[in-house]
Amino acid sequence: PSVKQMHEEIRSKFINAIINTVPNGNQGIVFLYGATITLRHDTADTEVAFRQESNFMYLTGVEQPDFAFAIDIEKRKSILFAPKRDEYWGLWNGEIMTLE
């Protein structure tokens, strides 16, 4: 399976686990924030090496900062929220990820 299919399977198992273990687990929304870029203490422009939040990475596969993610349990629908990026972000941080 592709990486995309792998994360879709993981999300499906996650949804099933919630439905099967949480009272009224067949309804509701799960919302996760990905990790953000942090700066070194007492600096305005020196970043700490980025590491995505583990649960977020496991469910989405997204390795870039400042994303958010929601799962509608009842509809079994996932929504990825991407930050706005301008060309200067891409210049300093690399390729801007598309939502595909």
PDB file of N, CA and C in Angstrom:
ATOM      1  N   PRO A   1       0.830  -1.214   0.000  1.00  0.00           N
ATOM      2  CA  PRO A   1       0.000   0.000   0.000  1.00  0.00           C
ATOM      3  C   PRO A   1       0.865   1.265   0.000  1.00  0.00           C
ATOM      4  N   SER A   2       0.309   2.336  -0.505  1.00  0.00           N
ATOM      5  CA  SER A   2       1.014   3.613  -0.512  1.00  0.00           C
ATOM      6  C   SER A   2       1.036   4.196   0.904  1.00  0.00           C
ATOM      7  N   VAL A   3       1.846   5.209   1.083  1.00  0.00           N
ATOM      8  CA  VAL A   3       1.908   5.884   2.387  1.00  0.00           C
ATOM      9  C   VAL A   3       0.547   6.479   2.726  1.00  0.00           C
ATOM     10  N   LYS A   4      -0.116   7.075   1.730  1.00  0.00           N
ATOM     11  CA  LYS A   4      -1.447   7.650   1.948  1.00  0.00           C
ATOM     12  C   LYS A   4      -2.422   6.568   2.416  1.00  0.00           C
ATOM     13  N   GLN A   5      -2.408   5.410   1.760  1.00  0.00           N
ATOM     14  CA  GLN A   5      -3.299   4.313   2.143  1.00  0.00           C
ATOM     15  C   GLN A   5      -2.970   3.802   3.546  1.00  0.00           C
ATOM     16  N   MET A   6      -1.678   3.769   3.878  1.00  0.00           N
ATOM     17  CA  MET A   6      -1.269   3.311   5.204  1.00  0.00           C
ATOM     18  C   MET A   6      -1.879   4.204   6.290  1.00  0.00           C
ATOM     19  N   HIS A   7      -1.802   5.532   6.110  1.00  0.00           N
ATOM     20  CA  HIS A   7      -2.348   6.446   7.119  1.00  0.00           C
ATOM     21  C   HIS A   7      -3.875   6.405   7.140  1.00  0.00           C
ATOM     22  N   GLU A   8      -4.507   6.154   5.995  1.00  0.00           N
ATOM     23  CA  GLU A   8      -5.965   5.979   5.968  1.00  0.00           C
ATOM     24  C   GLU A   8      -6.365   4.753   6.786  1.00  0.00           C
ATOM     25  N   GLU A   9      -5.610   3.670   6.659  1.00  0.00           N
ATOM     26  CA  GLU A   9      -5.864   2.461   7.456  1.00  0.00           C
ATOM     27  C   GLU A   9      -5.683   2.723   8.940  1.00  0.00           C
ATOM     28  N   ILE A  10      -4.624   3.449   9.281  1.00  0.00           N
ATOM     29  CA  ILE A  10      -4.361   3.780  10.685  1.00  0.00           C
ATOM     30  C   ILE A  10      -5.520   4.592  11.254  1.00  0.00           C
ATOM     31  N   ARG A  11      -5.998   5.590  10.495  1.00  0.00           N
ATOM     32  CA  ARG A  11      -7.130   6.404  10.960  1.00  0.00           C
ATOM     33  C   ARG A  11      -8.386   5.564  11.127  1.00  0.00           C
ATOM     34  N   SER A  12      -8.613   4.629  10.209  1.00  0.00           N
ATOM     35  CA  SER A  12      -9.787   3.759  10.304  1.00  0.00           C
ATOM     36  C   SER A  12      -9.724   2.904  11.573  1.00  0.00           C
ATOM     37  N   LYS A  13      -8.559   2.358  11.873  1.00  0.00           N
ATOM     38  CA  LYS A  13      -8.383   1.560  13.099  1.00  0.00           C
ATOM     39  C   LYS A  13      -8.573   2.434  14.338  1.00  0.00           C
ATOM     40  N   PHE A  14      -8.081   3.672  14.274  1.00  0.00           N
ATOM     41  CA  PHE A  14      -8.236   4.623  15.381  1.00  0.00           C
ATOM     42  C   PHE A  14      -9.713   4.908  15.634  1.00  0.00           C
ATOM     43  N   ILE A  15     -10.461   5.170  14.556  1.00  0.00           N
ATOM     44  CA  ILE A  15     -11.905   5.432  14.676  1.00  0.00           C
ATOM     45  C   ILE A  15     -12.610   4.221  15.267  1.00  0.00           C
ATOM     46  N   ASN A  16     -12.292   3.028  14.785  1.00  0.00           N
ATOM     47  CA  ASN A  16     -12.902   1.804  15.314  1.00  0.00           C
ATOM     48  C   ASN A  16     -12.594   1.626  16.797  1.00  0.00           C
ATOM     49  N   ALA A  17     -11.371   1.931  17.195  1.00  0.00           N
ATOM     50  CA  ALA A  17     -10.987   1.800  18.606  1.00  0.00           C
ATOM     51  C   ALA A  17     -11.817   2.749  19.475  1.00  0.00           C
ATOM     52  N   ILE A  18     -12.025   3.965  19.010  1.00  0.00           N
ATOM     53  CA  ILE A  18     -12.836   4.923  19.767  1.00  0.00           C
ATOM     54  C   ILE A  18     -14.279   4.429  19.863  1.00  0.00           C
ATOM     55  N   ILE A  19     -14.839   4.008  18.734  1.00  0.00           N
ATOM     56  CA  ILE A  19     -16.226   3.531  18.712  1.00  0.00           C
ATOM     57  C   ILE A  19     -16.411   2.349  19.657  1.00  0.00           C
ATOM     58  N   ASN A  20     -15.432   1.449  19.699  1.00  0.00           N
ATOM     59  CA  ASN A  20     -15.558   0.220  20.484  1.00  0.00           C
ATOM     60  C   ASN A  20     -15.194   0.360  21.958  1.00  0.00           C
ATOM     61  N   THR A  21     -14.539   1.445  22.350  1.00  0.00           N
ATOM     62  CA  THR A  21     -14.081   1.541  23.737  1.00  0.00           C
ATOM     63  C   THR A  21     -14.618   2.736  24.512  1.00  0.00           C
ATOM     64  N   VAL A  22     -15.102   3.757  23.824  1.00  0.00           N
ATOM     65  CA  VAL A  22     -15.570   4.971  24.493  1.00  0.00           C
ATOM     66  C   VAL A  22     -17.100   4.978  24.514  1.00  0.00           C
ATOM     67  N   PRO A  23     -17.716   5.207  25.681  1.00  0.00           N
ATOM     68  CA  PRO A  23     -19.182   5.333  25.706  1.00  0.00           C
ATOM     69  C   PRO A  23     -19.629   6.433  24.744  1.00  0.00           C
ATOM     70  N   ASN A  24     -20.632   6.155  23.952  1.00  0.00           N
ATOM     71  CA  ASN A  24     -21.104   7.078  22.907  1.00  0.00           C
ATOM     72  C   ASN A  24     -19.974   7.461  21.946  1.00  0.00           C
ATOM     73  N   GLY A  25     -19.046   6.533  21.753  1.00  0.00           N
ATOM     74  CA  GLY A  25     -17.874   6.797  20.926  1.00  0.00           C
ATOM     75  C   GLY A  25     -18.160   6.882  19.448  1.00  0.00           C
ATOM     76  N   ASN A  26     -19.399   6.592  19.043  1.00  0.00           N
ATOM     77  CA  ASN A  26     -19.719   6.648  17.626  1.00  0.00           C
ATOM     78  C   ASN A  26     -20.084   8.059  17.159  1.00  0.00           C
ATOM     79  N   GLN A  27     -19.895   9.031  18.028  1.00  0.00           N
ATOM     80  CA  GLN A  27     -20.162  10.414  17.649  1.00  0.00           C
ATOM     81  C   GLN A  27     -19.102  11.315  18.258  1.00  0.00           C
ATOM     82  N   GLY A  28     -18.958  12.478  17.678  1.00  0.00           N
ATOM     83  CA  GLY A  28     -17.980  13.431  18.194  1.00  0.00           C
ATOM     84  C   GLY A  28     -16.856  13.671  17.206  1.00  0.00           C
ATOM     85  N   ILE A  29     -15.967  14.554  17.591  1.00  0.00           N
ATOM     86  CA  ILE A  29     -14.845  14.944  16.748  1.00  0.00           C
ATOM     87  C   ILE A  29     -13.564  14.861  17.557  1.00  0.00           C
ATOM     88  N   VAL A  30     -12.528  14.335  16.939  1.00  0.00           N
ATOM     89  CA  VAL A  30     -11.188  14.326  17.524  1.00  0.00           C
ATOM     90  C   VAL A  30     -10.408  15.422  16.809  1.00  0.00           C
ATOM     91  N   PHE A  31      -9.762  16.306  17.566  1.00  0.00           N
ATOM     92  CA  PHE A  31      -9.000  17.412  16.979  1.00  0.00           C
ATOM     93  C   PHE A  31      -7.579  17.365  17.511  1.00  0.00           C
ATOM     94  N   LEU A  32      -6.607  17.423  16.609  1.00  0.00           N
ATOM     95  CA  LEU A  32      -5.199  17.396  16.994  1.00  0.00           C
ATOM     96  C   LEU A  32      -4.453  18.560  16.363  1.00  0.00           C
ATOM     97  N   TYR A  33      -3.552  19.149  17.134  1.00  0.00           N
ATOM     98  CA  TYR A  33      -2.625  20.138  16.598  1.00  0.00           C
ATOM     99  C   TYR A  33      -1.297  19.451  16.333  1.00  0.00           C
ATOM    100  N   GLY A  34      -0.699  19.763  15.196  1.00  0.00           N
ATOM    101  CA  GLY A  34       0.661  19.317  14.948  1.00  0.00           C
ATOM    102  C   GLY A  34       1.621  20.218  15.709  1.00  0.00           C
ATOM    103  N   ALA A  35       2.882  19.869  15.671  1.00  0.00           N
ATOM    104  CA  ALA A  35       3.898  20.670  16.356  1.00  0.00           C
ATOM    105  C   ALA A  35       4.117  21.996  15.627  1.00  0.00           C
ATOM    106  N   THR A  36       4.637  22.958  16.357  1.00  0.00           N
ATOM    107  CA  THR A  36       4.959  24.266  15.787  1.00  0.00           C
ATOM    108  C   THR A  36       6.467  24.484  15.841  1.00  0.00           C
ATOM    109  N   ILE A  37       6.922  25.453  15.106  1.00  0.00           N
ATOM    110  CA  ILE A  37       8.339  25.806  15.134  1.00  0.00           C
ATOM    111  C   ILE A  37       8.609  26.581  16.419  1.00  0.00           C
ATOM    112  N   THR A  38       9.661  26.221  17.104  1.00  0.00           N
ATOM    113  CA  THR A  38      10.048  26.950  18.308  1.00  0.00           C
ATOM    114  C   THR A  38      11.432  27.553  18.109  1.00  0.00           C
ATOM    115  N   LEU A  39      11.661  28.672  18.786  1.00  0.00           N
ATOM    116  CA  LEU A  39      12.946  29.356  18.686  1.00  0.00           C
ATOM    117  C   LEU A  39      13.788  29.085  19.922  1.00  0.00           C
ATOM    118  N   ARG A  40      15.084  29.087  19.732  1.00  0.00           N
ATOM    119  CA  ARG A  40      15.989  28.913  20.869  1.00  0.00           C
ATOM    120  C   ARG A  40      15.821  30.076  21.831  1.00  0.00           C
ATOM    121  N   HIS A  41      16.038  29.789  23.102  1.00  0.00           N
ATOM    122  CA  HIS A  41      15.919  30.794  24.151  1.00  0.00           C
ATOM    123  C   HIS A  41      16.807  32.003  23.846  1.00  0.00           C
ATOM    124  N   ASP A  42      16.250  33.178  24.021  1.00  0.00           N
ATOM    125  CA  ASP A  42      16.966  34.446  23.837  1.00  0.00           C
ATOM    126  C   ASP A  42      17.426  34.690  22.405  1.00  0.00           C
ATOM    127  N   THR A  43      16.749  34.102  21.431  1.00  0.00           N
ATOM    128  CA  THR A  43      17.066  34.410  20.039  1.00  0.00           C
ATOM    129  C   THR A  43      15.776  34.764  19.322  1.00  0.00           C
ATOM    130  N   ALA A  44      15.911  35.519  18.259  1.00  0.00           N
ATOM    131  CA  ALA A  44      14.738  35.881  17.476  1.00  0.00           C
ATOM    132  C   ALA A  44      14.682  35.118  16.157  1.00  0.00           C
ATOM    133  N   ASP A  45      15.767  34.425  15.823  1.00  0.00           N
ATOM    134  CA  ASP A  45      15.783  33.796  14.508  1.00  0.00           C
ATOM    135  C   ASP A  45      16.492  32.431  14.458  1.00  0.00           C
ATOM    136  N   THR A  46      16.764  31.838  15.590  1.00  0.00           N
ATOM    137  CA  THR A  46      17.423  30.527  15.600  1.00  0.00           C
ATOM    138  C   THR A  46      16.423  29.478  16.062  1.00  0.00           C
ATOM    139  N   GLU A  47      16.060  28.604  15.135  1.00  0.00           N
ATOM    140  CA  GLU A  47      15.041  27.605  15.432  1.00  0.00           C
ATOM    141  C   GLU A  47      15.642  26.341  16.040  1.00  0.00           C
ATOM    142  N   VAL A  48      14.859  25.725  16.922  1.00  0.00           N
ATOM    143  CA  VAL A  48      15.173  24.400  17.436  1.00  0.00           C
ATOM    144  C   VAL A  48      14.812  23.422  16.326  1.00  0.00           C
ATOM    145  N   ALA A  49      15.553  22.337  16.180  1.00  0.00           N
ATOM    146  CA  ALA A  49      15.254  21.340  15.148  1.00  0.00           C
ATOM    147  C   ALA A  49      13.799  20.889  15.287  1.00  0.00           C
ATOM    148  N   PHE A  50      13.075  20.903  14.186  1.00  0.00           N
ATOM    149  CA  PHE A  50      11.653  20.574  14.218  1.00  0.00           C
ATOM    150  C   PHE A  50      11.444  19.073  14.314  1.00  0.00           C
ATOM    151  N   ARG A  51      10.473  18.694  15.141  1.00  0.00           N
ATOM    152  CA  ARG A  51      10.041  17.296  15.236  1.00  0.00           C
ATOM    153  C   ARG A  51       8.526  17.309  15.397  1.00  0.00           C
ATOM    154  N   GLN A  52       7.853  16.622  14.469  1.00  0.00           N
ATOM    155  CA  GLN A  52       6.397  16.578  14.508  1.00  0.00           C
ATOM    156  C   GLN A  52       5.909  15.824  15.735  1.00  0.00           C
ATOM    157  N   GLU A  53       4.770  16.227  16.263  1.00  0.00           N
ATOM    158  CA  GLU A  53       4.150  15.551  17.398  1.00  0.00           C
ATOM    159  C   GLU A  53       3.817  14.121  16.962  1.00  0.00           C
ATOM    160  N   SER A  54       4.195  13.137  17.760  1.00  0.00           N
ATOM    161  CA  SER A  54       4.147  11.726  17.363  1.00  0.00           C
ATOM    162  C   SER A  54       2.753  11.239  16.974  1.00  0.00           C
ATOM    163  N   ASN A  55       1.731  11.544  17.754  1.00  0.00           N
ATOM    164  CA  ASN A  55       0.375  11.094  17.441  1.00  0.00           C
ATOM    165  C   ASN A  55      -0.132  11.724  16.145  1.00  0.00           C
ATOM    166  N   PHE A  56       0.189  12.988  15.961  1.00  0.00           N
ATOM    167  CA  PHE A  56      -0.203  13.695  14.739  1.00  0.00           C
ATOM    168  C   PHE A  56       0.469  13.053  13.527  1.00  0.00           C
ATOM    169  N   MET A  57       1.749  12.777  13.650  1.00  0.00           N
ATOM    170  CA  MET A  57       2.494  12.151  12.558  1.00  0.00           C
ATOM    171  C   MET A  57       1.938  10.765  12.238  1.00  0.00           C
ATOM    172  N   TYR A  58       1.603   9.993  13.267  1.00  0.00           N
ATOM    173  CA  TYR A  58       1.084   8.636  13.100  1.00  0.00           C
ATOM    174  C   TYR A  58      -0.248   8.635  12.348  1.00  0.00           C
ATOM    175  N   LEU A  59      -1.124   9.579  12.668  1.00  0.00           N
ATOM    176  CA  LEU A  59      -2.447   9.617  12.036  1.00  0.00           C
ATOM    177  C   LEU A  59      -2.459  10.293  10.668  1.00  0.00           C
ATOM    178  N   THR A  60      -1.520  11.205  10.422  1.00  0.00           N
ATOM    179  CA  THR A  60      -1.585  11.992   9.188  1.00  0.00           C
ATOM    180  C   THR A  60      -0.422  11.770   8.228  1.00  0.00           C
ATOM    181  N   GLY A  61       0.753  11.517   8.755  1.00  0.00           N
ATOM    182  CA  GLY A  61       1.943  11.437   7.907  1.00  0.00           C
ATOM    183  C   GLY A  61       2.526  12.800   7.569  1.00  0.00           C
ATOM    184  N   VAL A  62       1.954  13.866   8.111  1.00  0.00           N
ATOM    185  CA  VAL A  62       2.418  15.223   7.821  1.00  0.00           C
ATOM    186  C   VAL A  62       3.633  15.540   8.683  1.00  0.00           C
ATOM    187  N   GLU A  63       4.704  15.947   8.024  1.00  0.00           N
ATOM    188  CA  GLU A  63       5.949  16.241   8.736  1.00  0.00           C
ATOM    189  C   GLU A  63       6.253  17.730   8.831  1.00  0.00           C
ATOM    190  N   GLN A  64       5.381  18.588   8.345  1.00  0.00           N
ATOM    191  CA  GLN A  64       5.613  20.027   8.382  1.00  0.00           C
ATOM    192  C   GLN A  64       4.896  20.659   9.572  1.00  0.00           C
ATOM    193  N   PRO A  65       5.407  21.815  10.036  1.00  0.00           N
ATOM    194  CA  PRO A  65       4.837  22.462  11.221  1.00  0.00           C
ATOM    195  C   PRO A  65       3.530  23.200  10.954  1.00  0.00           C
ATOM    196  N   ASP A  66       2.808  23.447  12.040  1.00  0.00           N
ATOM    197  CA  ASP A  66       1.649  24.332  12.083  1.00  0.00           C
ATOM    198  C   ASP A  66       0.388  23.793  11.419  1.00  0.00           C
ATOM    199  N   PHE A  67       0.304  22.504  11.206  1.00  0.00           N
ATOM    200  CA  PHE A  67      -0.917  21.897  10.658  1.00  0.00           C
ATOM    201  C   PHE A  67      -1.821  21.486  11.815  1.00  0.00           C
ATOM    202  N   ALA A  68      -3.100  21.308  11.523  1.00  0.00           N
ATOM    203  CA  ALA A  68      -4.068  20.772  12.480  1.00  0.00           C
ATOM    204  C   ALA A  68      -4.883  19.717  11.741  1.00  0.00           C
ATOM    205  N   PHE A  69      -5.593  18.881  12.514  1.00  0.00           N
ATOM    206  CA  PHE A  69      -6.270  17.738  11.927  1.00  0.00           C
ATOM    207  C   PHE A  69      -7.506  17.395  12.745  1.00  0.00           C
ATOM    208  N   ALA A  70      -8.594  17.080  12.050  1.00  0.00           N
ATOM    209  CA  ALA A  70      -9.831  16.693  12.743  1.00  0.00           C
ATOM    210  C   ALA A  70     -10.387  15.430  12.109  1.00  0.00           C
ATOM    211  N   ILE A  71     -11.011  14.603  12.950  1.00  0.00           N
ATOM    212  CA  ILE A  71     -11.705  13.411  12.482  1.00  0.00           C
ATOM    213  C   ILE A  71     -13.129  13.468  13.016  1.00  0.00           C
ATOM    214  N   ASP A  72     -14.102  13.434  12.100  1.00  0.00           N
ATOM    215  CA  ASP A  72     -15.506  13.315  12.474  1.00  0.00           C
ATOM    216  C   ASP A  72     -15.777  11.819  12.609  1.00  0.00           C
ATOM    217  N   ILE A  73     -15.969  11.362  13.832  1.00  0.00           N
ATOM    218  CA  ILE A  73     -16.105   9.928  14.100  1.00  0.00           C
ATOM    219  C   ILE A  73     -17.338   9.350  13.410  1.00  0.00           C
ATOM    220  N   GLU A  74     -18.471  10.019  13.528  1.00  0.00           N
ATOM    221  CA  GLU A  74     -19.721   9.493  12.974  1.00  0.00           C
ATOM    222  C   GLU A  74     -19.665   9.368  11.450  1.00  0.00           C
ATOM    223  N   LYS A  75     -19.118  10.388  10.789  1.00  0.00           N
ATOM    224  CA  LYS A  75     -19.045  10.380   9.324  1.00  0.00           C
ATOM    225  C   LYS A  75     -17.787   9.684   8.805  1.00  0.00           C
ATOM    226  N   ARG A  76     -16.856   9.367   9.735  1.00  0.00           N
ATOM    227  CA  ARG A  76     -15.581   8.735   9.368  1.00  0.00           C
ATOM    228  C   ARG A  76     -14.846   9.604   8.339  1.00  0.00           C
ATOM    229  N   LYS A  77     -14.879  10.902   8.572  1.00  0.00           N
ATOM    230  CA  LYS A  77     -14.272  11.858   7.652  1.00  0.00           C
ATOM    231  C   LYS A  77     -13.116  12.577   8.338  1.00  0.00           C
ATOM    232  N   SER A  78     -12.002  12.707   7.627  1.00  0.00           N
ATOM    233  CA  SER A  78     -10.819  13.391   8.137  1.00  0.00           C
ATOM    234  C   SER A  78     -10.640  14.719   7.414  1.00  0.00           C
ATOM    235  N   ILE A  79     -10.214  15.731   8.174  1.00  0.00           N
ATOM    236  CA  ILE A  79      -9.983  17.060   7.603  1.00  0.00           C
ATOM    237  C   ILE A  79      -8.617  17.548   8.065  1.00  0.00           C
ATOM    238  N   LEU A  80      -7.776  17.923   7.117  1.00  0.00           N
ATOM    239  CA  LEU A  80      -6.451  18.461   7.416  1.00  0.00           C
ATOM    240  C   LEU A  80      -6.480  19.968   7.211  1.00  0.00           C
ATOM    241  N   PHE A  81      -6.067  20.720   8.226  1.00  0.00           N
ATOM    242  CA  PHE A  81      -6.028  22.174   8.166  1.00  0.00           C
ATOM    243  C   PHE A  81      -4.579  22.612   7.955  1.00  0.00           C
ATOM    244  N   ALA A  82      -4.334  23.260   6.834  1.00  0.00           N
ATOM    245  CA  ALA A  82      -2.971  23.677   6.487  1.00  0.00           C
ATOM    246  C   ALA A  82      -2.785  25.164   6.746  1.00  0.00           C
ATOM    247  N   PRO A  83      -1.604  25.546   7.217  1.00  0.00           N
ATOM    248  CA  PRO A  83      -1.332  26.974   7.421  1.00  0.00           C
ATOM    249  C   PRO A  83      -1.095  27.655   6.074  1.00  0.00           C
ATOM    250  N   LYS A  84      -1.350  28.954   6.033  1.00  0.00           N
ATOM    251  CA  LYS A  84      -1.018  29.709   4.827  1.00  0.00           C
ATOM    252  C   LYS A  84       0.496  29.871   4.773  1.00  0.00           C
ATOM    253  N   ARG A  85       1.055  29.609   3.627  1.00  0.00           N
ATOM    254  CA  ARG A  85       2.503  29.761   3.433  1.00  0.00           C
ATOM    255  C   ARG A  85       2.741  30.684   2.248  1.00  0.00           C
ATOM    256  N   ASP A  86       3.649  31.636   2.409  1.00  0.00           N
ATOM    257  CA  ASP A  86       4.017  32.471   1.278  1.00  0.00           C
ATOM    258  C   ASP A  86       5.343  31.983   0.695  1.00  0.00           C
ATOM    259  N   GLU A  87       5.763  32.588  -0.411  1.00  0.00           N
ATOM    260  CA  GLU A  87       6.984  32.111  -1.072  1.00  0.00           C
ATOM    261  C   GLU A  87       8.228  32.276  -0.199  1.00  0.00           C
ATOM    262  N   TYR A  88       8.207  33.226   0.737  1.00  0.00           N
ATOM    263  CA  TYR A  88       9.369  33.417   1.606  1.00  0.00           C
ATOM    264  C   TYR A  88       9.525  32.256   2.576  1.00  0.00           C
ATOM    265  N   TRP A  89       8.409  31.690   3.022  1.00  0.00           N
ATOM    266  CA  TRP A  89       8.488  30.506   3.892  1.00  0.00           C
ATOM    267  C   TRP A  89       9.170  29.377   3.129  1.00  0.00           C
ATOM    268  N   GLY A  90       8.758  29.173   1.888  1.00  0.00           N
ATOM    269  CA  GLY A  90       9.358  28.124   1.062  1.00  0.00           C
ATOM    270  C   GLY A  90      10.830  28.379   0.794  1.00  0.00           C
ATOM    271  N   LEU A  91      11.192  29.636   0.633  1.00  0.00           N
ATOM    272  CA  LEU A  91      12.587  29.982   0.379  1.00  0.00           C
ATOM    273  C   LEU A  91      13.483  29.562   1.544  1.00  0.00           C
ATOM    274  N   TRP A  92      13.024  29.787   2.772  1.00  0.00           N
ATOM    275  CA  TRP A  92      13.840  29.493   3.955  1.00  0.00           C
ATOM    276  C   TRP A  92      13.636  28.092   4.515  1.00  0.00           C
ATOM    277  N   ASN A  93      12.482  27.480   4.238  1.00  0.00           N
ATOM    278  CA  ASN A  93      12.163  26.210   4.881  1.00  0.00           C
ATOM    279  C   ASN A  93      11.989  25.035   3.938  1.00  0.00           C
ATOM    280  N   GLY A  94      12.106  25.260   2.654  1.00  0.00           N
ATOM    281  CA  GLY A  94      11.954  24.161   1.703  1.00  0.00           C
ATOM    282  C   GLY A  94      10.592  24.150   1.043  1.00  0.00           C
ATOM    283  N   GLU A  95      10.360  23.105   0.299  1.00  0.00           N
ATOM    284  CA  GLU A  95       9.143  22.984  -0.499  1.00  0.00           C
ATOM    285  C   GLU A  95       7.877  23.134   0.348  1.00  0.00           C
ATOM    286  N   ILE A  96       6.920  23.865  -0.189  1.00  0.00           N
ATOM    287  CA  ILE A  96       5.634  24.031   0.484  1.00  0.00           C
ATOM    288  C   ILE A  96       4.757  22.844   0.135  1.00  0.00           C
ATOM    289  N   MET A  97       4.318  22.131   1.145  1.00  0.00           N
ATOM    290  CA  MET A  97       3.520  20.916   0.955  1.00  0.00           C
ATOM    291  C   MET A  97       2.143  21.266   0.433  1.00  0.00           C
ATOM    292  N   THR A  98       1.662  20.512  -0.556  1.00  0.00           N
ATOM    293  CA  THR A  98       0.295  20.690  -1.034  1.00  0.00           C
ATOM    294  C   THR A  98      -0.633  19.806  -0.213  1.00  0.00           C
ATOM    295  N   LEU A  99      -1.931  20.034  -0.313  1.00  0.00           N
ATOM    296  CA  LEU A  99      -2.885  19.212   0.424  1.00  0.00           C
ATOM    297  C   LEU A  99      -3.138  17.873  -0.244  1.00  0.00           C
ATOM    298  N   GLU A 100      -2.556  17.632  -1.374  1.00  0.00           N
ATOM    299  CA  GLU A 100      -2.701  16.334  -2.039  1.00  0.00           C
ATOM    300  C   GLU A 100      -1.933  15.342  -1.234  1.00  0.00           C
TER     301      GLU A 100
END
